[in-house]
Amino acid sequence: MTVDKLLRRWPAALGVLVAVGTVLGVEHGGQIAPVVAASGFVYLAAVAIGRPGAAWAAFGVTFVLVGLSLRAGFDAVLWICVAAAVLAVLGALRAGVRPVWSLPLQSAAMLVLGAAALLAVRADHLAAGVIVSVALFAHAAWDVWHHRTERVVTRSFAEFCGVLDVLVGVGLLVVTLTR
């Protein structure tokens, strides 16, 4: 494989790095629940703002919030869901959101992922691990569709997020089923 081909896979490599950092030290599936909320938030942010590249900035914000949640006990799920609701309203008020279906579709996805995250935070170890893993696997399929269609987010972000979702989902299942 040439250096050029390796450099084009930077989103996948970054996804692996972030996934390993996310799963290390996790003891309960509910700890990863903010990642589920964040996965919906970044897509909603890109649509509401009207720029596919905004997903990277939104990821940066959620990265900090998830980090605070994992290390300091901060309730990132609640704040991500509140920020998503504000973005959905602002996106709806913004004229010219195109295509017309994109904001409602991403809002619905955020609603489902946010509900799953809120449920996982309050569930026992086994249920939380399964809920979060299933939600991340479903979002990975969402990432693949967006990568193939080149809609809503940049291809690099969809690739990064797909790798992240699958690896965190698998890692969390291993943690959940072995403890």
C-alpha atoms as a PDB file:
ATOM      1  CA  MET A   1       0.000   0.000   0.000  1.00  0.00           C
ATOM      2  CA  THR A   2       1.397   3.386  -0.948  1.00  0.00           C
ATOM      3  CA  VAL A   3       1.773   6.325   1.404  1.00  0.00           C
ATOM      4  CA  ASP A   4      -0.892   8.169  -0.594  1.00  0.00           C
ATOM      5  CA  LYS A   5      -3.416   5.379   0.010  1.00  0.00           C
ATOM      6  CA  LEU A   6      -2.556   5.311   3.709  1.00  0.00           C
ATOM      7  CA  LEU A   7      -3.001   9.065   3.993  1.00  0.00           C
ATOM      8  CA  ARG A   8      -6.456   8.789   2.449  1.00  0.00           C
ATOM      9  CA  ARG A   9      -7.467   6.452   5.303  1.00  0.00           C
ATOM     10  CA  TRP A  10      -6.792   9.032   8.006  1.00  0.00           C
ATOM     11  CA  PRO A  11     -10.488   9.194   9.024  1.00  0.00           C
ATOM     12  CA  ALA A  12     -10.533   5.446   9.722  1.00  0.00           C
ATOM     13  CA  ALA A  13      -7.250   5.658  11.641  1.00  0.00           C
ATOM     14  CA  LEU A  14      -8.611   8.537  13.712  1.00  0.00           C
ATOM     15  CA  GLY A  15     -11.783   6.508  14.350  1.00  0.00           C
ATOM     16  CA  VAL A  16      -9.679   3.613  15.684  1.00  0.00           C
ATOM     17  CA  LEU A  17      -7.704   5.943  17.949  1.00  0.00           C
ATOM     18  CA  VAL A  18     -10.792   7.640  19.398  1.00  0.00           C
ATOM     19  CA  ALA A  19     -12.579   4.294  19.831  1.00  0.00           C
ATOM     20  CA  VAL A  20      -9.717   2.789  21.812  1.00  0.00           C
ATOM     21  CA  GLY A  21      -9.542   5.884  24.021  1.00  0.00           C
ATOM     22  CA  THR A  22     -13.296   5.771  24.558  1.00  0.00           C
ATOM     23  CA  VAL A  23     -13.542   2.121  25.563  1.00  0.00           C
ATOM     24  CA  LEU A  24     -10.463   1.968  27.807  1.00  0.00           C
ATOM     25  CA  GLY A  25     -11.487   1.996  31.431  1.00  0.00           C
ATOM     26  CA  VAL A  26     -15.220   1.629  30.797  1.00  0.00           C
ATOM     27  CA  GLU A  27     -16.975  -0.436  33.457  1.00  0.00           C
ATOM     28  CA  HIS A  28     -20.653   0.162  32.648  1.00  0.00           C
ATOM     29  CA  GLY A  29     -22.503   0.536  29.359  1.00  0.00           C
ATOM     30  CA  GLY A  30     -24.169   3.700  30.562  1.00  0.00           C
ATOM     31  CA  GLN A  31     -20.787   5.414  30.584  1.00  0.00           C
ATOM     32  CA  ILE A  32     -20.737   5.256  26.773  1.00  0.00           C
ATOM     33  CA  ALA A  33     -24.321   6.518  26.371  1.00  0.00           C
ATOM     34  CA  PRO A  34     -23.151  10.081  25.591  1.00  0.00           C
ATOM     35  CA  VAL A  35     -21.436   8.729  22.467  1.00  0.00           C
ATOM     36  CA  VAL A  36     -24.843   7.595  21.189  1.00  0.00           C
ATOM     37  CA  ALA A  37     -26.349  11.053  21.714  1.00  0.00           C
ATOM     38  CA  ALA A  38     -23.282  12.652  20.135  1.00  0.00           C
ATOM     39  CA  SER A  39     -23.570  10.455  17.047  1.00  0.00           C
ATOM     40  CA  GLY A  40     -26.983  11.912  16.273  1.00  0.00           C
ATOM     41  CA  PHE A  41     -26.022  15.435  17.281  1.00  0.00           C
ATOM     42  CA  VAL A  42     -23.196  15.826  14.780  1.00  0.00           C
ATOM     43  CA  TYR A  43     -25.403  14.908  11.813  1.00  0.00           C
ATOM     44  CA  LEU A  44     -28.182  17.189  13.023  1.00  0.00           C
ATOM     45  CA  ALA A  45     -25.680  20.025  13.467  1.00  0.00           C
ATOM     46  CA  ALA A  46     -24.408  19.641   9.898  1.00  0.00           C
ATOM     47  CA  VAL A  47     -27.964  19.861   8.519  1.00  0.00           C
ATOM     48  CA  ALA A  48     -29.111  22.681  10.807  1.00  0.00           C
ATOM     49  CA  ILE A  49     -26.045  24.769   9.987  1.00  0.00           C
ATOM     50  CA  GLY A  50     -26.185  23.828   6.321  1.00  0.00           C
ATOM     51  CA  ARG A  51     -22.549  22.788   6.008  1.00  0.00           C
ATOM     52  CA  PRO A  52     -21.378  19.151   5.850  1.00  0.00           C
ATOM     53  CA  GLY A  53     -18.037  20.134   7.388  1.00  0.00           C
ATOM     54  CA  ALA A  54     -19.825  21.438  10.488  1.00  0.00           C
ATOM     55  CA  ALA A  55     -20.015  17.816  11.642  1.00  0.00           C
ATOM     56  CA  TRP A  56     -16.314  17.978  12.515  1.00  0.00           C
ATOM     57  CA  ALA A  57     -16.816  21.080  14.680  1.00  0.00           C
ATOM     58  CA  ALA A  58     -19.873  19.506  16.308  1.00  0.00           C
ATOM     59  CA  PHE A  59     -17.803  16.388  16.981  1.00  0.00           C
ATOM     60  CA  GLY A  60     -15.210  18.568  18.704  1.00  0.00           C
ATOM     61  CA  VAL A  61     -17.872  19.970  21.010  1.00  0.00           C
ATOM     62  CA  THR A  62     -19.286  16.535  21.806  1.00  0.00           C
ATOM     63  CA  PHE A  63     -15.785  15.120  22.272  1.00  0.00           C
ATOM     64  CA  VAL A  64     -15.247  17.580  25.116  1.00  0.00           C
ATOM     65  CA  LEU A  65     -18.684  16.862  26.610  1.00  0.00           C
ATOM     66  CA  VAL A  66     -18.242  13.078  26.388  1.00  0.00           C
ATOM     67  CA  GLY A  67     -14.778  13.416  27.918  1.00  0.00           C
ATOM     68  CA  LEU A  68     -16.220  15.395  30.819  1.00  0.00           C
ATOM     69  CA  SER A  69     -18.886  12.741  31.225  1.00  0.00           C
ATOM     70  CA  LEU A  70     -16.381   9.876  31.270  1.00  0.00           C
ATOM     71  CA  ARG A  71     -13.875  11.558  33.569  1.00  0.00           C
ATOM     72  CA  ALA A  72     -15.826  14.019  35.728  1.00  0.00           C
ATOM     73  CA  GLY A  73     -19.343  12.633  36.040  1.00  0.00           C
ATOM     74  CA  PHE A  74     -20.862  15.427  33.930  1.00  0.00           C
ATOM     75  CA  ASP A  75     -24.302  14.564  32.425  1.00  0.00           C
ATOM     76  CA  ALA A  76     -23.355  14.961  28.760  1.00  0.00           C
ATOM     77  CA  VAL A  77     -26.428  13.129  27.437  1.00  0.00           C
ATOM     78  CA  LEU A  78     -28.814  15.729  28.791  1.00  0.00           C
ATOM     79  CA  TRP A  79     -26.766  18.665  27.481  1.00  0.00           C
ATOM     80  CA  ILE A  80     -26.260  17.096  24.057  1.00  0.00           C
ATOM     81  CA  CYS A  81     -30.012  16.476  23.777  1.00  0.00           C
ATOM     82  CA  VAL A  82     -30.813  20.063  24.804  1.00  0.00           C
ATOM     83  CA  ALA A  83     -28.285  21.438  22.290  1.00  0.00           C
ATOM     84  CA  ALA A  84     -29.787  19.178  19.600  1.00  0.00           C
ATOM     85  CA  ALA A  85     -33.276  20.526  20.301  1.00  0.00           C
ATOM     86  CA  VAL A  86     -31.987  24.099  19.986  1.00  0.00           C
ATOM     87  CA  LEU A  87     -30.225  23.235  16.714  1.00  0.00           C
ATOM     88  CA  ALA A  88     -33.350  21.569  15.324  1.00  0.00           C
ATOM     89  CA  VAL A  89     -35.412  24.698  16.056  1.00  0.00           C
ATOM     90  CA  LEU A  90     -32.750  26.994  14.591  1.00  0.00           C
ATOM     91  CA  GLY A  91     -32.493  24.763  11.536  1.00  0.00           C
ATOM     92  CA  ALA A  92     -36.254  24.860  11.087  1.00  0.00           C
ATOM     93  CA  LEU A  93     -36.236  28.652  11.312  1.00  0.00           C
ATOM     94  CA  ARG A  94     -33.391  28.931   8.814  1.00  0.00           C
ATOM     95  CA  ALA A  95     -34.734  29.439   5.320  1.00  0.00           C
ATOM     96  CA  GLY A  96     -33.455  27.263   2.529  1.00  0.00           C
ATOM     97  CA  VAL A  97     -32.617  24.014   4.291  1.00  0.00           C
ATOM     98  CA  ARG A  98     -32.138  21.621   1.409  1.00  0.00           C
ATOM     99  CA  PRO A  99     -33.109  18.988   0.747  1.00  0.00           C
ATOM    100  CA  VAL A 100     -36.386  19.529   2.571  1.00  0.00           C
ATOM    101  CA  TRP A 101     -36.402  16.041   4.113  1.00  0.00           C
ATOM    102  CA  SER A 102     -32.935  16.335   5.669  1.00  0.00           C
ATOM    103  CA  LEU A 103     -33.750  18.274   8.849  1.00  0.00           C
ATOM    104  CA  PRO A 104     -36.807  16.169   9.777  1.00  0.00           C
ATOM    105  CA  LEU A 105     -34.893  12.947   9.080  1.00  0.00           C
ATOM    106  CA  GLN A 106     -31.846  13.946  11.121  1.00  0.00           C
ATOM    107  CA  SER A 107     -34.106  15.278  13.889  1.00  0.00           C
ATOM    108  CA  ALA A 108     -35.927  11.940  14.031  1.00  0.00           C
ATOM    109  CA  ALA A 109     -32.611  10.092  14.175  1.00  0.00           C
ATOM    110  CA  MET A 110     -31.458  12.374  16.986  1.00  0.00           C
ATOM    111  CA  LEU A 111     -34.707  11.749  18.853  1.00  0.00           C
ATOM    112  CA  VAL A 112     -34.235   7.969  18.645  1.00  0.00           C
ATOM    113  CA  LEU A 113     -30.535   8.104  19.554  1.00  0.00           C
ATOM    114  CA  GLY A 114     -31.143  10.603  22.361  1.00  0.00           C
ATOM    115  CA  ALA A 115     -33.898   8.415  23.812  1.00  0.00           C
ATOM    116  CA  ALA A 116     -31.629   5.357  23.628  1.00  0.00           C
ATOM    117  CA  ALA A 117     -28.842   7.270  25.380  1.00  0.00           C
ATOM    118  CA  LEU A 118     -31.164   8.543  28.117  1.00  0.00           C
ATOM    119  CA  LEU A 119     -32.494   5.015  28.642  1.00  0.00           C
ATOM    120  CA  ALA A 120     -28.981   3.521  28.757  1.00  0.00           C
ATOM    121  CA  VAL A 121     -27.807   6.014  31.391  1.00  0.00           C
ATOM    122  CA  ARG A 122     -30.510   4.753  33.740  1.00  0.00           C
ATOM    123  CA  ALA A 123     -30.301   1.035  32.874  1.00  0.00           C
ATOM    124  CA  ASP A 124     -28.349  -1.734  34.581  1.00  0.00           C
ATOM    125  CA  HIS A 125     -24.947  -2.821  33.230  1.00  0.00           C
ATOM    126  CA  LEU A 126     -26.212  -5.497  30.844  1.00  0.00           C
ATOM    127  CA  ALA A 127     -29.156  -3.561  29.429  1.00  0.00           C
ATOM    128  CA  ALA A 128     -27.118  -0.375  29.032  1.00  0.00           C
ATOM    129  CA  GLY A 129     -24.327  -2.198  27.220  1.00  0.00           C
ATOM    130  CA  VAL A 130     -26.749  -3.828  24.815  1.00  0.00           C
ATOM    131  CA  ILE A 131     -28.744  -0.633  24.185  1.00  0.00           C
ATOM    132  CA  VAL A 132     -25.627   1.414  23.500  1.00  0.00           C
ATOM    133  CA  SER A 133     -24.023  -1.247  21.309  1.00  0.00           C
ATOM    134  CA  VAL A 134     -27.161  -1.758  19.215  1.00  0.00           C
ATOM    135  CA  ALA A 135     -27.596   2.003  18.835  1.00  0.00           C
ATOM    136  CA  LEU A 136     -23.971   2.383  17.725  1.00  0.00           C
ATOM    137  CA  PHE A 137     -24.272  -0.477  15.219  1.00  0.00           C
ATOM    138  CA  ALA A 138     -27.437   1.121  13.814  1.00  0.00           C
ATOM    139  CA  HIS A 139     -25.652   4.459  13.579  1.00  0.00           C
ATOM    140  CA  ALA A 140     -22.737   2.776  11.808  1.00  0.00           C
ATOM    141  CA  ALA A 141     -25.204   1.677   9.115  1.00  0.00           C
ATOM    142  CA  TRP A 142     -26.386   5.315   8.983  1.00  0.00           C
ATOM    143  CA  ASP A 143     -22.746   6.349   8.508  1.00  0.00           C
ATOM    144  CA  VAL A 144     -22.293   3.903   5.626  1.00  0.00           C
ATOM    145  CA  TRP A 145     -25.390   5.238   3.873  1.00  0.00           C
ATOM    146  CA  HIS A 146     -24.205   8.826   4.254  1.00  0.00           C
ATOM    147  CA  HIS A 147     -20.707   7.878   3.095  1.00  0.00           C
ATOM    148  CA  ARG A 148     -22.080   6.213  -0.041  1.00  0.00           C
ATOM    149  CA  THR A 149     -24.564   8.980  -0.886  1.00  0.00           C
ATOM    150  CA  GLU A 150     -22.283  11.859   0.161  1.00  0.00           C
ATOM    151  CA  ARG A 151     -25.162  13.578   1.946  1.00  0.00           C
ATOM    152  CA  VAL A 152     -25.365  15.632   5.135  1.00  0.00           C
ATOM    153  CA  VAL A 153     -21.748  15.167   6.347  1.00  0.00           C
ATOM    154  CA  THR A 154     -18.410  14.951   4.579  1.00  0.00           C
ATOM    155  CA  ARG A 155     -17.256  11.520   3.417  1.00  0.00           C
ATOM    156  CA  SER A 156     -14.291  11.776   5.785  1.00  0.00           C
ATOM    157  CA  PHE A 157     -16.584  12.299   8.750  1.00  0.00           C
ATOM    158  CA  ALA A 158     -18.910   9.442   7.771  1.00  0.00           C
ATOM    159  CA  GLU A 159     -15.889   7.133   7.458  1.00  0.00           C
ATOM    160  CA  PHE A 160     -14.474   8.250  10.805  1.00  0.00           C
ATOM    161  CA  CYS A 161     -17.826   7.914  12.560  1.00  0.00           C
ATOM    162  CA  GLY A 162     -18.570   4.496  11.053  1.00  0.00           C
ATOM    163  CA  VAL A 163     -15.271   3.071  12.276  1.00  0.00           C
ATOM    164  CA  LEU A 164     -15.727   4.704  15.684  1.00  0.00           C
ATOM    165  CA  ASP A 165     -19.281   3.383  16.086  1.00  0.00           C
ATOM    166  CA  VAL A 166     -18.437  -0.206  15.152  1.00  0.00           C
ATOM    167  CA  LEU A 167     -15.320  -0.419  17.324  1.00  0.00           C
ATOM    168  CA  VAL A 168     -16.918   1.211  20.366  1.00  0.00           C
ATOM    169  CA  GLY A 169     -19.993  -1.022  19.927  1.00  0.00           C
ATOM    170  CA  VAL A 170     -17.862  -4.176  19.777  1.00  0.00           C
ATOM    171  CA  GLY A 171     -15.623  -3.054  22.631  1.00  0.00           C
ATOM    172  CA  LEU A 172     -18.591  -2.244  24.804  1.00  0.00           C
ATOM    173  CA  LEU A 173     -20.211  -5.617  24.080  1.00  0.00           C
ATOM    174  CA  VAL A 174     -17.004  -7.332  25.162  1.00  0.00           C
ATOM    175  CA  VAL A 175     -16.928  -5.282  28.388  1.00  0.00           C
ATOM    176  CA  THR A 176     -20.632  -5.899  28.995  1.00  0.00           C
ATOM    177  CA  LEU A 177     -20.541  -9.648  28.436  1.00  0.00           C
ATOM    178  CA  THR A 178     -17.325 -10.305  30.366  1.00  0.00           C
ATOM    179  CA  ARG A 179     -18.109  -8.419  33.574  1.00  0.00           C
END
